[in-house]
Amino acid sequence: MPVSPYIVALREHIGHDLLLLPSATAVVFDDGGRVLLIRRGDNGRWSLPSGMIDPGEQPADAAVREVLEETGIVAEVDVLAGVATHPVEYPNGDVCEYMNVWFRCRAVGGTPTADGDESLEVGWFARDALAGLDEWGELRLRTAAGGRSGWFQPAGAAPHPALTRPDAL
């Protein structure tokens, strides 16, 4: 997967130490209520389209950009669905804490097309056909599909399991 030049420069200075990084996810629905998923290029798992927020970019713009880049689908944001942080440790030893903002979106155009790098396959799935989506993806999907806006981990509450799993992304 391509690594942002911003991250490459940071890693040159700090090595594998913890980075706090902004990211955005899009939970995209079509007119039939199906959800858009990608099969990730880095681990082969099915996931919601997501990625880093570039410096100077707004989270909603990043979510829409990531959808188009990874899937070929043009999406519009309907509502902020949630925000939370979660840890990830990569096989090379890099440690990150992602501040992820996710949005409920609707597809407005495009043709599902994998980019061959970040996404190996792209598809529309009924909610009852999503076996294998990780806990983090399930949390994002459930909160986006639930119609409420702005899910967050309540202050002082025990963390949701998806927020503490280092392999959840």
N, C-alpha and C. Protein backbone atom coordinates (compact mmCIF):
# COMPACT_ATOMS: atom_id res chain seq x y z
N MET A 1 0.83 -1.17 0.00
CA MET A 1 0.00 0.00 0.00
C MET A 1 0.88 1.24 0.00
N PRO A 2 0.51 2.26 -0.70
CA PRO A 2 1.32 3.48 -0.69
C PRO A 2 1.28 4.14 0.68
N VAL A 3 2.42 4.62 1.09
CA VAL A 3 2.52 5.31 2.38
C VAL A 3 2.63 6.79 2.11
N SER A 4 1.86 7.56 2.86
CA SER A 4 1.88 9.01 2.73
C SER A 4 3.30 9.54 2.93
N PRO A 5 3.74 10.48 2.10
CA PRO A 5 5.06 11.09 2.30
C PRO A 5 5.17 11.73 3.69
N TYR A 6 4.05 12.21 4.20
CA TYR A 6 3.99 12.80 5.55
C TYR A 6 4.40 11.75 6.59
N ILE A 7 3.88 10.52 6.47
CA ILE A 7 4.19 9.45 7.41
C ILE A 7 5.64 9.00 7.24
N VAL A 8 6.11 8.90 6.01
CA VAL A 8 7.50 8.51 5.76
C VAL A 8 8.44 9.48 6.47
N ALA A 9 8.18 10.79 6.34
CA ALA A 9 9.03 11.79 6.99
C ALA A 9 8.97 11.68 8.51
N LEU A 10 7.79 11.46 9.06
CA LEU A 10 7.66 11.29 10.51
C LEU A 10 8.43 10.06 10.99
N ARG A 11 8.28 8.95 10.27
CA ARG A 11 8.95 7.71 10.67
C ARG A 11 10.47 7.86 10.61
N GLU A 12 10.99 8.67 9.69
CA GLU A 12 12.43 8.91 9.62
C GLU A 12 12.94 9.55 10.91
N HIS A 13 12.09 10.35 11.54
CA HIS A 13 12.48 11.04 12.77
C HIS A 13 12.25 10.22 14.03
N ILE A 14 11.18 9.44 14.08
CA ILE A 14 10.83 8.78 15.34
C ILE A 14 10.93 7.26 15.30
N GLY A 15 11.25 6.68 14.17
CA GLY A 15 11.33 5.22 14.09
C GLY A 15 9.96 4.59 14.22
N HIS A 16 9.88 3.50 15.01
CA HIS A 16 8.63 2.75 15.17
C HIS A 16 7.75 3.29 16.30
N ASP A 17 8.18 4.33 17.01
CA ASP A 17 7.43 4.84 18.16
C ASP A 17 6.01 5.27 17.77
N LEU A 18 5.20 5.41 18.78
CA LEU A 18 3.78 5.74 18.62
C LEU A 18 3.57 7.05 17.86
N LEU A 19 2.66 6.99 16.87
CA LEU A 19 2.19 8.18 16.17
C LEU A 19 0.68 8.28 16.37
N LEU A 20 0.17 9.47 16.65
CA LEU A 20 -1.25 9.73 16.65
C LEU A 20 -1.59 10.28 15.27
N LEU A 21 -2.48 9.56 14.55
CA LEU A 21 -2.75 9.89 13.16
C LEU A 21 -4.25 10.08 12.92
N PRO A 22 -4.62 11.08 12.14
CA PRO A 22 -6.03 11.28 11.81
C PRO A 22 -6.45 10.40 10.64
N SER A 23 -7.64 9.81 10.75
CA SER A 23 -8.14 8.98 9.66
C SER A 23 -9.65 9.15 9.53
N ALA A 24 -10.16 8.77 8.37
CA ALA A 24 -11.59 8.88 8.10
C ALA A 24 -12.08 7.61 7.43
N THR A 25 -13.31 7.26 7.71
CA THR A 25 -13.95 6.08 7.13
C THR A 25 -15.31 6.48 6.57
N ALA A 26 -15.68 5.85 5.47
CA ALA A 26 -17.00 6.07 4.87
C ALA A 26 -17.79 4.78 4.93
N VAL A 27 -18.99 4.86 5.49
CA VAL A 27 -19.93 3.75 5.47
C VAL A 27 -20.94 4.13 4.39
N VAL A 28 -20.74 3.57 3.19
CA VAL A 28 -21.49 3.98 2.00
C VAL A 28 -22.61 2.99 1.72
N PHE A 29 -23.83 3.52 1.59
CA PHE A 29 -25.00 2.71 1.26
C PHE A 29 -25.48 3.06 -0.14
N ASP A 30 -25.99 2.05 -0.84
CA ASP A 30 -26.63 2.31 -2.13
C ASP A 30 -28.14 2.46 -1.90
N ASP A 31 -28.89 2.68 -2.97
CA ASP A 31 -30.34 2.89 -2.85
C ASP A 31 -31.07 1.66 -2.31
N GLY A 32 -30.46 0.51 -2.42
CA GLY A 32 -31.07 -0.72 -1.92
C GLY A 32 -30.68 -1.05 -0.49
N GLY A 33 -29.89 -0.18 0.15
CA GLY A 33 -29.48 -0.42 1.54
C GLY A 33 -28.27 -1.30 1.69
N ARG A 34 -27.63 -1.66 0.57
CA ARG A 34 -26.40 -2.46 0.66
C ARG A 34 -25.23 -1.55 1.03
N VAL A 35 -24.22 -2.14 1.66
CA VAL A 35 -23.04 -1.39 2.08
C VAL A 35 -21.85 -1.73 1.18
N LEU A 36 -21.04 -0.73 0.91
CA LEU A 36 -19.86 -0.86 0.05
C LEU A 36 -18.68 -1.33 0.89
N LEU A 37 -18.02 -2.40 0.44
CA LEU A 37 -16.83 -2.92 1.10
C LEU A 37 -15.70 -3.10 0.10
N ILE A 38 -14.49 -3.06 0.63
CA ILE A 38 -13.30 -3.38 -0.15
C ILE A 38 -12.60 -4.57 0.49
N ARG A 39 -11.93 -5.37 -0.33
CA ARG A 39 -11.01 -6.36 0.21
C ARG A 39 -9.64 -5.71 0.19
N ARG A 40 -9.10 -5.48 1.36
CA ARG A 40 -7.88 -4.70 1.54
C ARG A 40 -6.66 -5.36 0.90
N GLY A 41 -5.79 -4.52 0.34
CA GLY A 41 -4.57 -5.02 -0.27
C GLY A 41 -3.51 -5.43 0.73
N ASP A 42 -3.55 -4.88 1.95
CA ASP A 42 -2.50 -5.17 2.92
C ASP A 42 -2.74 -6.47 3.70
N ASN A 43 -4.01 -6.83 3.96
CA ASN A 43 -4.25 -8.03 4.75
C ASN A 43 -5.32 -8.95 4.15
N GLY A 44 -5.92 -8.57 3.02
CA GLY A 44 -6.90 -9.41 2.36
C GLY A 44 -8.27 -9.46 3.01
N ARG A 45 -8.49 -8.69 4.07
CA ARG A 45 -9.77 -8.71 4.77
C ARG A 45 -10.74 -7.72 4.15
N TRP A 46 -12.05 -8.02 4.26
CA TRP A 46 -13.07 -7.10 3.82
C TRP A 46 -13.22 -6.00 4.86
N SER A 47 -13.36 -4.77 4.36
CA SER A 47 -13.36 -3.61 5.23
C SER A 47 -14.14 -2.47 4.59
N LEU A 48 -14.47 -1.50 5.39
CA LEU A 48 -15.06 -0.25 4.90
C LEU A 48 -13.95 0.62 4.31
N PRO A 49 -14.23 1.40 3.28
CA PRO A 49 -13.21 2.30 2.73
C PRO A 49 -12.76 3.33 3.79
N SER A 50 -11.47 3.46 3.92
CA SER A 50 -10.93 4.40 4.93
C SER A 50 -9.50 4.76 4.59
N GLY A 51 -9.00 5.77 5.27
CA GLY A 51 -7.62 6.16 5.06
C GLY A 51 -7.25 7.41 5.83
N MET A 52 -6.02 7.82 5.63
CA MET A 52 -5.47 8.98 6.34
C MET A 52 -6.11 10.28 5.85
N ILE A 53 -6.26 11.19 6.79
CA ILE A 53 -6.66 12.56 6.46
C ILE A 53 -5.37 13.32 6.17
N ASP A 54 -5.28 13.88 4.98
CA ASP A 54 -4.08 14.62 4.59
C ASP A 54 -4.01 15.96 5.32
N PRO A 55 -2.80 16.50 5.54
CA PRO A 55 -2.69 17.82 6.17
C PRO A 55 -3.52 18.84 5.39
N GLY A 56 -4.33 19.62 6.11
CA GLY A 56 -5.16 20.64 5.51
C GLY A 56 -6.48 20.14 4.96
N GLU A 57 -6.71 18.82 5.00
CA GLU A 57 -7.94 18.24 4.46
C GLU A 57 -8.96 18.05 5.58
N GLN A 58 -10.21 18.31 5.29
CA GLN A 58 -11.28 18.08 6.25
C GLN A 58 -11.65 16.60 6.27
N PRO A 59 -12.08 16.05 7.43
CA PRO A 59 -12.41 14.62 7.51
C PRO A 59 -13.44 14.16 6.49
N ALA A 60 -14.51 14.92 6.26
CA ALA A 60 -15.53 14.51 5.29
C ALA A 60 -14.95 14.44 3.89
N ASP A 61 -14.09 15.39 3.54
CA ASP A 61 -13.45 15.35 2.23
C ASP A 61 -12.54 14.13 2.10
N ALA A 62 -11.84 13.78 3.18
CA ALA A 62 -10.96 12.61 3.15
C ALA A 62 -11.78 11.34 2.95
N ALA A 63 -12.91 11.22 3.63
CA ALA A 63 -13.75 10.03 3.48
C ALA A 63 -14.23 9.88 2.04
N VAL A 64 -14.72 10.96 1.45
CA VAL A 64 -15.21 10.93 0.07
C VAL A 64 -14.07 10.62 -0.89
N ARG A 65 -12.90 11.21 -0.67
CA ARG A 65 -11.73 10.95 -1.53
C ARG A 65 -11.32 9.47 -1.45
N GLU A 66 -11.27 8.94 -0.23
CA GLU A 66 -10.86 7.54 -0.06
C GLU A 66 -11.83 6.60 -0.77
N VAL A 67 -13.13 6.88 -0.69
CA VAL A 67 -14.11 6.05 -1.38
C VAL A 67 -13.82 6.04 -2.89
N LEU A 68 -13.64 7.20 -3.46
CA LEU A 68 -13.39 7.29 -4.90
C LEU A 68 -12.08 6.59 -5.27
N GLU A 69 -11.01 6.83 -4.52
CA GLU A 69 -9.71 6.23 -4.83
C GLU A 69 -9.75 4.71 -4.72
N GLU A 70 -10.38 4.19 -3.67
CA GLU A 70 -10.33 2.76 -3.40
C GLU A 70 -11.40 1.96 -4.12
N THR A 71 -12.51 2.62 -4.52
CA THR A 71 -13.65 1.86 -5.03
C THR A 71 -14.19 2.32 -6.37
N GLY A 72 -13.85 3.52 -6.82
CA GLY A 72 -14.43 4.07 -8.04
C GLY A 72 -15.84 4.63 -7.85
N ILE A 73 -16.35 4.59 -6.64
CA ILE A 73 -17.70 5.08 -6.34
C ILE A 73 -17.63 6.54 -5.89
N VAL A 74 -18.54 7.36 -6.41
CA VAL A 74 -18.68 8.74 -5.97
C VAL A 74 -19.70 8.73 -4.83
N ALA A 75 -19.31 9.29 -3.70
CA ALA A 75 -20.17 9.29 -2.51
C ALA A 75 -20.39 10.70 -2.01
N GLU A 76 -21.50 10.87 -1.31
CA GLU A 76 -21.80 12.12 -0.61
C GLU A 76 -22.03 11.78 0.86
N VAL A 77 -21.55 12.65 1.72
CA VAL A 77 -21.71 12.45 3.16
C VAL A 77 -23.11 12.88 3.58
N ASP A 78 -23.79 12.00 4.34
CA ASP A 78 -25.10 12.32 4.91
C ASP A 78 -24.98 12.85 6.33
N VAL A 79 -24.17 12.15 7.14
CA VAL A 79 -24.11 12.52 8.56
C VAL A 79 -22.81 12.00 9.18
N LEU A 80 -22.33 12.71 10.17
CA LEU A 80 -21.23 12.22 11.00
C LEU A 80 -21.77 11.06 11.82
N ALA A 81 -21.17 9.89 11.69
CA ALA A 81 -21.68 8.71 12.38
C ALA A 81 -20.94 8.41 13.67
N GLY A 82 -19.66 8.79 13.77
CA GLY A 82 -18.93 8.50 15.00
C GLY A 82 -17.50 8.96 14.96
N VAL A 83 -16.89 8.92 16.14
CA VAL A 83 -15.49 9.30 16.29
C VAL A 83 -14.91 8.52 17.47
N ALA A 84 -13.70 8.01 17.29
CA ALA A 84 -13.01 7.28 18.36
C ALA A 84 -11.55 7.09 17.98
N THR A 85 -10.75 6.76 18.96
CA THR A 85 -9.36 6.39 18.70
C THR A 85 -9.22 4.88 18.85
N HIS A 86 -8.22 4.33 18.17
CA HIS A 86 -7.91 2.92 18.34
C HIS A 86 -6.45 2.66 17.97
N PRO A 87 -5.84 1.71 18.70
CA PRO A 87 -4.42 1.39 18.46
C PRO A 87 -4.24 0.37 17.34
N VAL A 88 -3.12 0.49 16.65
CA VAL A 88 -2.73 -0.49 15.64
C VAL A 88 -1.21 -0.66 15.73
N GLU A 89 -0.77 -1.91 15.72
CA GLU A 89 0.66 -2.19 15.59
C GLU A 89 0.83 -3.01 14.32
N TYR A 90 1.66 -2.52 13.41
CA TYR A 90 1.86 -3.16 12.12
C TYR A 90 2.97 -4.21 12.21
N PRO A 91 2.99 -5.17 11.27
CA PRO A 91 4.00 -6.23 11.29
C PRO A 91 5.44 -5.71 11.30
N ASN A 92 5.68 -4.53 10.73
CA ASN A 92 7.04 -3.99 10.72
C ASN A 92 7.43 -3.32 12.03
N GLY A 93 6.51 -3.29 13.01
CA GLY A 93 6.80 -2.70 14.31
C GLY A 93 6.29 -1.28 14.49
N ASP A 94 5.80 -0.64 13.43
CA ASP A 94 5.23 0.71 13.56
C ASP A 94 4.01 0.65 14.47
N VAL A 95 3.93 1.60 15.41
CA VAL A 95 2.80 1.69 16.34
C VAL A 95 2.07 3.00 16.08
N CYS A 96 0.75 2.90 15.91
CA CYS A 96 -0.09 4.07 15.65
C CYS A 96 -1.31 4.05 16.55
N GLU A 97 -1.81 5.22 16.83
CA GLU A 97 -3.12 5.39 17.45
C GLU A 97 -3.88 6.26 16.46
N TYR A 98 -4.93 5.69 15.86
CA TYR A 98 -5.71 6.43 14.88
C TYR A 98 -6.87 7.16 15.55
N MET A 99 -7.00 8.44 15.24
CA MET A 99 -8.20 9.20 15.59
C MET A 99 -9.08 9.11 14.37
N ASN A 100 -10.10 8.23 14.43
CA ASN A 100 -10.92 7.96 13.26
C ASN A 100 -12.27 8.65 13.38
N VAL A 101 -12.66 9.30 12.30
CA VAL A 101 -13.97 9.91 12.16
C VAL A 101 -14.67 9.16 11.04
N TRP A 102 -15.88 8.66 11.30
CA TRP A 102 -16.58 7.94 10.25
C TRP A 102 -17.92 8.58 9.95
N PHE A 103 -18.31 8.43 8.68
CA PHE A 103 -19.49 9.10 8.14
C PHE A 103 -20.43 8.11 7.47
N ARG A 104 -21.72 8.34 7.63
CA ARG A 104 -22.72 7.63 6.82
C ARG A 104 -22.78 8.38 5.49
N CYS A 105 -22.63 7.63 4.39
CA CYS A 105 -22.60 8.23 3.06
C CYS A 105 -23.58 7.49 2.15
N ARG A 106 -23.88 8.13 1.04
CA ARG A 106 -24.70 7.48 0.01
C ARG A 106 -23.94 7.56 -1.31
N ALA A 107 -24.10 6.50 -2.09
CA ALA A 107 -23.47 6.45 -3.41
C ALA A 107 -24.29 7.30 -4.36
N VAL A 108 -23.60 8.13 -5.16
CA VAL A 108 -24.29 8.99 -6.13
C VAL A 108 -23.77 8.79 -7.55
N GLY A 109 -22.81 7.89 -7.74
CA GLY A 109 -22.29 7.65 -9.07
C GLY A 109 -21.10 6.72 -9.04
N GLY A 110 -20.52 6.52 -10.21
CA GLY A 110 -19.33 5.70 -10.34
C GLY A 110 -19.65 4.24 -10.57
N THR A 111 -18.59 3.48 -10.79
CA THR A 111 -18.68 2.04 -11.02
C THR A 111 -17.71 1.36 -10.07
N PRO A 112 -18.16 0.33 -9.33
CA PRO A 112 -17.24 -0.35 -8.40
C PRO A 112 -16.02 -0.91 -9.12
N THR A 113 -14.85 -0.40 -8.77
CA THR A 113 -13.60 -0.80 -9.39
C THR A 113 -12.50 -0.79 -8.34
N ALA A 114 -11.85 -1.93 -8.14
CA ALA A 114 -10.72 -2.00 -7.22
C ALA A 114 -9.53 -1.28 -7.82
N ASP A 115 -8.74 -0.62 -6.97
CA ASP A 115 -7.56 0.08 -7.47
C ASP A 115 -6.36 -0.85 -7.64
N GLY A 116 -6.46 -2.09 -7.15
CA GLY A 116 -5.39 -3.07 -7.30
C GLY A 116 -4.25 -2.90 -6.31
N ASP A 117 -4.34 -1.91 -5.47
CA ASP A 117 -3.30 -1.66 -4.47
C ASP A 117 -3.93 -1.66 -3.07
N GLU A 118 -4.64 -0.60 -2.75
CA GLU A 118 -5.32 -0.55 -1.46
C GLU A 118 -6.54 -1.46 -1.44
N SER A 119 -7.17 -1.64 -2.59
CA SER A 119 -8.33 -2.53 -2.68
C SER A 119 -8.10 -3.56 -3.78
N LEU A 120 -8.33 -4.82 -3.42
CA LEU A 120 -8.19 -5.91 -4.38
C LEU A 120 -9.52 -6.29 -5.01
N GLU A 121 -10.61 -6.07 -4.27
CA GLU A 121 -11.97 -6.30 -4.76
C GLU A 121 -12.86 -5.24 -4.14
N VAL A 122 -13.95 -4.95 -4.82
CA VAL A 122 -14.95 -4.00 -4.33
C VAL A 122 -16.31 -4.63 -4.55
N GLY A 123 -17.19 -4.47 -3.56
CA GLY A 123 -18.53 -5.03 -3.76
C GLY A 123 -19.56 -4.41 -2.85
N TRP A 124 -20.81 -4.59 -3.25
CA TRP A 124 -21.96 -4.16 -2.46
C TRP A 124 -22.50 -5.38 -1.73
N PHE A 125 -22.77 -5.24 -0.43
CA PHE A 125 -23.19 -6.37 0.39
C PHE A 125 -24.42 -6.01 1.22
N ALA A 126 -25.36 -6.97 1.29
CA ALA A 126 -26.49 -6.81 2.20
C ALA A 126 -25.95 -6.93 3.62
N ARG A 127 -26.58 -6.24 4.55
CA ARG A 127 -26.09 -6.26 5.94
C ARG A 127 -26.03 -7.66 6.51
N ASP A 128 -26.92 -8.54 6.10
CA ASP A 128 -26.92 -9.91 6.65
C ASP A 128 -25.89 -10.80 5.96
N ALA A 129 -25.12 -10.26 5.04
CA ALA A 129 -24.10 -11.04 4.31
C ALA A 129 -22.70 -10.51 4.59
N LEU A 130 -22.49 -9.97 5.78
CA LEU A 130 -21.21 -9.34 6.10
C LEU A 130 -20.35 -10.16 7.05
N ALA A 131 -20.48 -11.46 7.03
CA ALA A 131 -19.65 -12.29 7.89
C ALA A 131 -18.18 -12.00 7.63
N GLY A 132 -17.40 -11.88 8.68
CA GLY A 132 -15.97 -11.64 8.53
C GLY A 132 -15.54 -10.20 8.69
N LEU A 133 -16.49 -9.27 8.77
CA LEU A 133 -16.13 -7.88 9.04
C LEU A 133 -15.64 -7.80 10.48
N ASP A 134 -14.49 -7.16 10.71
CA ASP A 134 -13.94 -7.13 12.06
C ASP A 134 -14.81 -6.28 13.01
N GLU A 135 -14.51 -6.35 14.31
CA GLU A 135 -15.30 -5.64 15.32
C GLU A 135 -15.34 -4.14 15.07
N TRP A 136 -14.22 -3.59 14.63
CA TRP A 136 -14.16 -2.16 14.38
C TRP A 136 -15.09 -1.78 13.23
N GLY A 137 -15.06 -2.56 12.16
CA GLY A 137 -15.97 -2.34 11.03
C GLY A 137 -17.42 -2.51 11.45
N GLU A 138 -17.68 -3.51 12.28
CA GLU A 138 -19.05 -3.73 12.79
C GLU A 138 -19.53 -2.52 13.58
N LEU A 139 -18.68 -1.98 14.43
CA LEU A 139 -19.06 -0.80 15.22
C LEU A 139 -19.38 0.37 14.29
N ARG A 140 -18.52 0.62 13.32
CA ARG A 140 -18.75 1.71 12.38
C ARG A 140 -20.05 1.52 11.60
N LEU A 141 -20.25 0.29 11.10
CA LEU A 141 -21.45 -0.01 10.32
C LEU A 141 -22.71 0.13 11.19
N ARG A 142 -22.68 -0.45 12.38
CA ARG A 142 -23.85 -0.40 13.27
C ARG A 142 -24.22 1.03 13.64
N THR A 143 -23.22 1.85 13.94
CA THR A 143 -23.52 3.23 14.33
C THR A 143 -23.99 4.05 13.13
N ALA A 144 -23.43 3.79 11.96
CA ALA A 144 -23.85 4.54 10.76
C ALA A 144 -25.24 4.12 10.30
N ALA A 145 -25.55 2.83 10.42
CA ALA A 145 -26.85 2.33 9.96
C ALA A 145 -27.97 2.65 10.95
N GLY A 146 -27.60 2.93 12.20
CA GLY A 146 -28.59 3.13 13.24
C GLY A 146 -29.38 4.42 13.17
N GLY A 147 -28.97 5.33 12.30
CA GLY A 147 -29.72 6.57 12.14
C GLY A 147 -29.33 7.67 13.11
N ARG A 148 -28.61 7.34 14.17
CA ARG A 148 -28.13 8.37 15.09
C ARG A 148 -26.85 8.97 14.54
N SER A 149 -26.56 10.17 14.95
CA SER A 149 -25.29 10.76 14.53
C SER A 149 -24.38 10.92 15.73
N GLY A 150 -23.09 10.90 15.45
CA GLY A 150 -22.09 11.24 16.44
C GLY A 150 -21.84 10.25 17.55
N TRP A 151 -21.71 8.93 17.24
CA TRP A 151 -21.35 7.97 18.27
C TRP A 151 -19.97 8.32 18.81
N PHE A 152 -19.78 8.14 20.10
CA PHE A 152 -18.46 8.30 20.71
C PHE A 152 -18.41 7.43 21.95
N GLN A 153 -17.19 7.13 22.38
CA GLN A 153 -16.98 6.38 23.61
C GLN A 153 -17.26 7.32 24.77
N PRO A 154 -18.27 7.04 25.61
CA PRO A 154 -18.57 7.94 26.72
C PRO A 154 -17.38 8.10 27.68
N ALA A 155 -17.19 9.28 28.17
CA ALA A 155 -16.11 9.55 29.12
C ALA A 155 -16.26 8.65 30.35
N GLY A 156 -15.18 8.02 30.73
CA GLY A 156 -15.16 7.19 31.93
C GLY A 156 -15.74 5.79 31.76
N ALA A 157 -16.31 5.48 30.61
CA ALA A 157 -16.90 4.16 30.39
C ALA A 157 -15.81 3.16 30.00
N ALA A 158 -16.09 1.88 30.25
CA ALA A 158 -15.18 0.83 29.80
C ALA A 158 -15.13 0.88 28.27
N PRO A 159 -13.95 0.79 27.69
CA PRO A 159 -13.86 0.91 26.23
C PRO A 159 -14.57 -0.21 25.50
N HIS A 160 -15.15 0.14 24.37
CA HIS A 160 -15.74 -0.85 23.47
C HIS A 160 -14.60 -1.77 23.03
N PRO A 161 -14.84 -3.10 22.95
CA PRO A 161 -13.75 -4.02 22.57
C PRO A 161 -13.04 -3.65 21.28
N ALA A 162 -13.76 -3.12 20.32
CA ALA A 162 -13.12 -2.76 19.05
C ALA A 162 -12.10 -1.65 19.22
N LEU A 163 -12.22 -0.86 20.27
CA LEU A 163 -11.31 0.28 20.45
C LEU A 163 -9.97 -0.15 21.04
N THR A 164 -9.86 -1.34 21.56
CA THR A 164 -8.63 -1.76 22.21
C THR A 164 -7.90 -2.89 21.50
N ARG A 165 -8.49 -3.44 20.45
CA ARG A 165 -7.85 -4.53 19.72
C ARG A 165 -6.80 -3.97 18.78
N PRO A 166 -5.52 -4.32 18.97
CA PRO A 166 -4.49 -3.78 18.09
C PRO A 166 -4.59 -4.24 16.64
N ASP A 167 -5.30 -5.32 16.38
CA ASP A 167 -5.41 -5.81 15.01
C ASP A 167 -6.76 -5.47 14.38
N ALA A 168 -7.50 -4.53 14.98
CA ALA A 168 -8.87 -4.27 14.54
C ALA A 168 -8.95 -3.55 13.21
N LEU A 169 -7.94 -2.83 12.82
CA LEU A 169 -8.04 -2.09 11.55
C LEU A 169 -7.67 -2.96 10.39
